[in-house]
Amino acid sequence: MRQSKVQFNPNFLLKALFESSGELEKILYYDEKSYDLKNDNQWNLLAISIHLGDVEIGVAEQIRMIMDRTTKDLHHVDFDAIPLESEYATKDLDHALWRFQKAREQTVYLMYGLSKRDWSSEGQHPYKGNVSILDLAQDLYHHDLEHLWQSRKLSTGKLW
């Protein structure tokens, strides 16, 4: 099993994951003037929303695969993929955010009520080796923090 520096309590992770989608919603809905702003890596708020939805759907599938125990081999979810502008030019922010929030609700629902044994259930990631559901939840949490920080910076030009 992959060892992280800090092991989070699953209840903390569930709460944090649920709340982060609300934080993103606040940033996006209350400061739409920054909708088209891009940073040096070509991220904008729409691209971030689409990316978060894509990652969420991919990680939820990994969790389902581990829980179903039908296969140990997980597919790769690219936490660093920047959507191309051509992929999101016709998308709208409301739909992208709704898609992320719905996917997050489903992910949290999947993890809600897992036993201690379930949280430690593992699958085989093609690059990371054995990963548990707890590892996946921690990865999502850290990924959320990164993009919430990025969204805040794009939205306001400052961190706080």
Protein backbone atom coordinates (compact mmCIF):
# COMPACT_ATOMS: atom_id res chain seq x y z
CA MET A 1 0.00 0.00 0.00
CA ARG A 2 1.20 3.49 -0.87
CA GLN A 3 2.10 5.43 2.24
CA SER A 4 1.15 9.08 2.50
CA LYS A 5 2.69 11.45 5.00
CA VAL A 6 -0.60 12.06 6.77
CA GLN A 7 -3.49 9.63 7.08
CA PHE A 8 -6.76 11.51 7.26
CA ASN A 9 -9.78 10.30 9.12
CA PRO A 10 -12.36 9.12 6.54
CA ASN A 11 -15.09 11.22 8.19
CA PHE A 12 -12.92 14.33 7.81
CA LEU A 13 -12.32 13.49 4.16
CA LEU A 14 -16.02 12.99 3.43
CA LYS A 15 -16.85 16.35 5.00
CA ALA A 16 -13.99 18.14 3.21
CA LEU A 17 -14.88 16.62 -0.15
CA PHE A 18 -18.52 17.58 0.23
CA GLU A 19 -17.69 21.15 1.25
CA SER A 20 -15.12 21.80 -1.48
CA SER A 21 -17.71 21.62 -4.25
CA GLY A 22 -19.65 24.34 -2.41
CA GLU A 23 -16.54 26.48 -2.11
CA LEU A 24 -15.93 26.21 -5.84
CA GLU A 25 -19.54 27.15 -6.52
CA LYS A 26 -19.14 30.30 -4.42
CA ILE A 27 -16.05 31.35 -6.33
CA LEU A 28 -17.63 30.72 -9.72
CA TYR A 29 -21.08 32.13 -9.15
CA TYR A 30 -20.10 35.24 -7.28
CA ASP A 31 -17.32 36.37 -9.57
CA GLU A 32 -18.25 35.47 -13.13
CA LYS A 33 -16.24 38.41 -14.48
CA SER A 34 -13.18 36.18 -14.23
CA TYR A 35 -14.79 33.43 -16.28
CA ASP A 36 -12.44 33.98 -19.22
CA LEU A 37 -9.30 34.91 -17.29
CA LYS A 38 -6.41 32.54 -17.82
CA ASN A 39 -3.24 32.02 -15.88
CA ASP A 40 0.10 31.03 -17.36
CA ASN A 41 -0.97 27.40 -17.73
CA GLN A 42 -4.09 28.33 -19.72
CA TRP A 43 -6.51 27.44 -16.93
CA ASN A 44 -9.71 29.43 -16.59
CA LEU A 45 -12.66 28.85 -14.30
CA LEU A 46 -14.64 26.89 -16.89
CA ALA A 47 -11.65 24.65 -17.65
CA ILE A 48 -11.15 24.05 -13.92
CA SER A 49 -14.82 23.08 -13.50
CA ILE A 50 -14.71 20.68 -16.44
CA HIS A 51 -11.42 19.19 -15.23
CA LEU A 52 -12.75 18.67 -11.70
CA GLY A 53 -15.80 16.89 -13.12
CA ASP A 54 -13.63 14.65 -15.31
CA VAL A 55 -11.35 13.72 -12.41
CA GLU A 56 -14.29 13.13 -10.09
CA ILE A 57 -16.01 10.79 -12.53
CA GLY A 58 -12.74 8.89 -13.09
CA VAL A 59 -11.98 8.47 -9.38
CA ALA A 60 -15.57 7.39 -8.66
CA GLU A 61 -15.12 4.67 -11.27
CA GLN A 62 -11.88 3.57 -9.58
CA ILE A 63 -13.70 3.37 -6.23
CA ARG A 64 -16.50 1.32 -7.81
CA MET A 65 -13.96 -1.04 -9.32
CA ILE A 66 -12.31 -1.57 -5.93
CA MET A 67 -15.65 -2.04 -4.17
CA ASP A 68 -16.98 -4.45 -6.81
CA ARG A 69 -13.84 -6.56 -6.50
CA THR A 70 -14.35 -7.68 -10.09
CA THR A 71 -10.87 -6.55 -11.08
CA LYS A 72 -7.85 -5.18 -9.28
CA ASP A 73 -6.63 -3.24 -12.32
CA LEU A 74 -7.62 0.41 -12.19
CA HIS A 75 -7.49 2.84 -15.07
CA HIS A 76 -5.38 5.99 -14.87
CA VAL A 77 -7.07 9.30 -14.04
CA ASP A 78 -4.98 12.29 -15.08
CA PHE A 79 -5.10 14.82 -12.24
CA ASP A 80 -2.95 17.22 -14.27
CA ALA A 81 -4.71 17.25 -17.65
CA ILE A 82 -5.63 20.76 -18.78
CA PRO A 83 -8.72 20.65 -21.00
CA LEU A 84 -8.10 22.11 -24.44
CA GLU A 85 -10.07 25.24 -25.23
CA SER A 86 -11.65 23.43 -28.19
CA GLU A 87 -12.99 20.82 -25.74
CA TYR A 88 -14.84 23.37 -23.64
CA ALA A 89 -15.55 26.27 -26.01
CA THR A 90 -19.18 25.20 -26.40
CA LYS A 91 -19.69 24.23 -22.74
CA ASP A 92 -21.29 26.45 -20.19
CA LEU A 93 -20.16 27.14 -16.66
CA ASP A 94 -23.49 26.22 -15.04
CA HIS A 95 -23.49 22.79 -16.65
CA ALA A 96 -19.81 22.15 -15.88
CA LEU A 97 -20.30 23.04 -12.23
CA TRP A 98 -23.52 21.00 -12.01
CA ARG A 99 -21.70 18.00 -13.54
CA PHE A 100 -18.89 18.28 -10.98
CA GLN A 101 -21.30 18.67 -8.06
CA LYS A 102 -23.41 15.69 -9.13
CA ALA A 103 -20.32 13.55 -9.60
CA ARG A 104 -19.03 14.66 -6.17
CA GLU A 105 -22.35 13.79 -4.52
CA GLN A 106 -22.16 10.32 -6.05
CA THR A 107 -18.54 9.86 -4.95
CA VAL A 108 -19.31 10.91 -1.38
CA TYR A 109 -22.35 8.63 -1.39
CA LEU A 110 -20.16 5.72 -2.55
CA MET A 111 -17.78 6.29 0.36
CA TYR A 112 -20.40 7.09 2.99
CA GLY A 113 -20.83 4.17 5.31
CA LEU A 114 -17.72 2.27 4.23
CA SER A 115 -16.26 0.10 6.94
CA LYS A 116 -12.66 0.49 8.09
CA ARG A 117 -11.85 -2.59 6.02
CA ASP A 118 -13.53 -1.09 2.95
CA TRP A 119 -11.50 2.12 3.23
CA SER A 120 -8.33 0.04 3.09
CA SER A 121 -9.51 -2.05 0.10
CA GLU A 122 -7.05 -1.67 -2.76
CA GLY A 123 -6.80 -1.71 -6.50
CA GLN A 124 -3.76 -1.79 -8.76
CA HIS A 125 -3.08 1.58 -10.38
CA PRO A 126 -0.95 1.39 -13.56
CA TYR A 127 1.56 4.00 -12.29
CA LYS A 128 1.11 4.23 -8.53
CA GLY A 129 0.87 0.56 -7.65
CA ASN A 130 -1.57 -0.48 -4.94
CA VAL A 131 -3.96 2.30 -3.95
CA SER A 132 -6.73 2.13 -1.38
CA ILE A 133 -10.05 3.94 -1.35
CA LEU A 134 -8.58 6.09 1.43
CA ASP A 135 -5.64 6.95 -0.87
CA LEU A 136 -8.06 7.96 -3.63
CA ALA A 137 -10.09 10.14 -1.24
CA GLN A 138 -6.89 11.83 -0.02
CA ASP A 139 -5.80 12.42 -3.61
CA LEU A 140 -9.16 14.06 -4.36
CA TYR A 141 -8.87 16.22 -1.25
CA HIS A 142 -5.41 17.49 -2.20
CA HIS A 143 -6.52 17.99 -5.81
CA ASP A 144 -9.49 20.06 -4.63
CA LEU A 145 -7.26 22.26 -2.50
CA GLU A 146 -4.97 22.91 -5.44
CA HIS A 147 -7.81 23.94 -7.75
CA LEU A 148 -9.69 25.92 -5.10
CA TRP A 149 -6.52 27.92 -4.52
CA GLN A 150 -6.10 28.35 -8.27
CA SER A 151 -9.76 29.39 -8.73
CA ARG A 152 -9.53 31.90 -5.91
CA LYS A 153 -6.39 33.39 -7.42
CA LEU A 154 -7.94 33.60 -10.90
CA SER A 155 -11.12 35.07 -9.48
CA THR A 156 -9.67 37.74 -7.22
CA GLY A 157 -6.04 38.05 -8.23
CA LYS A 158 -5.08 37.20 -4.66
CA LEU A 159 -5.34 34.23 -2.36
CA TRP A 160 -7.59 35.65 0.38
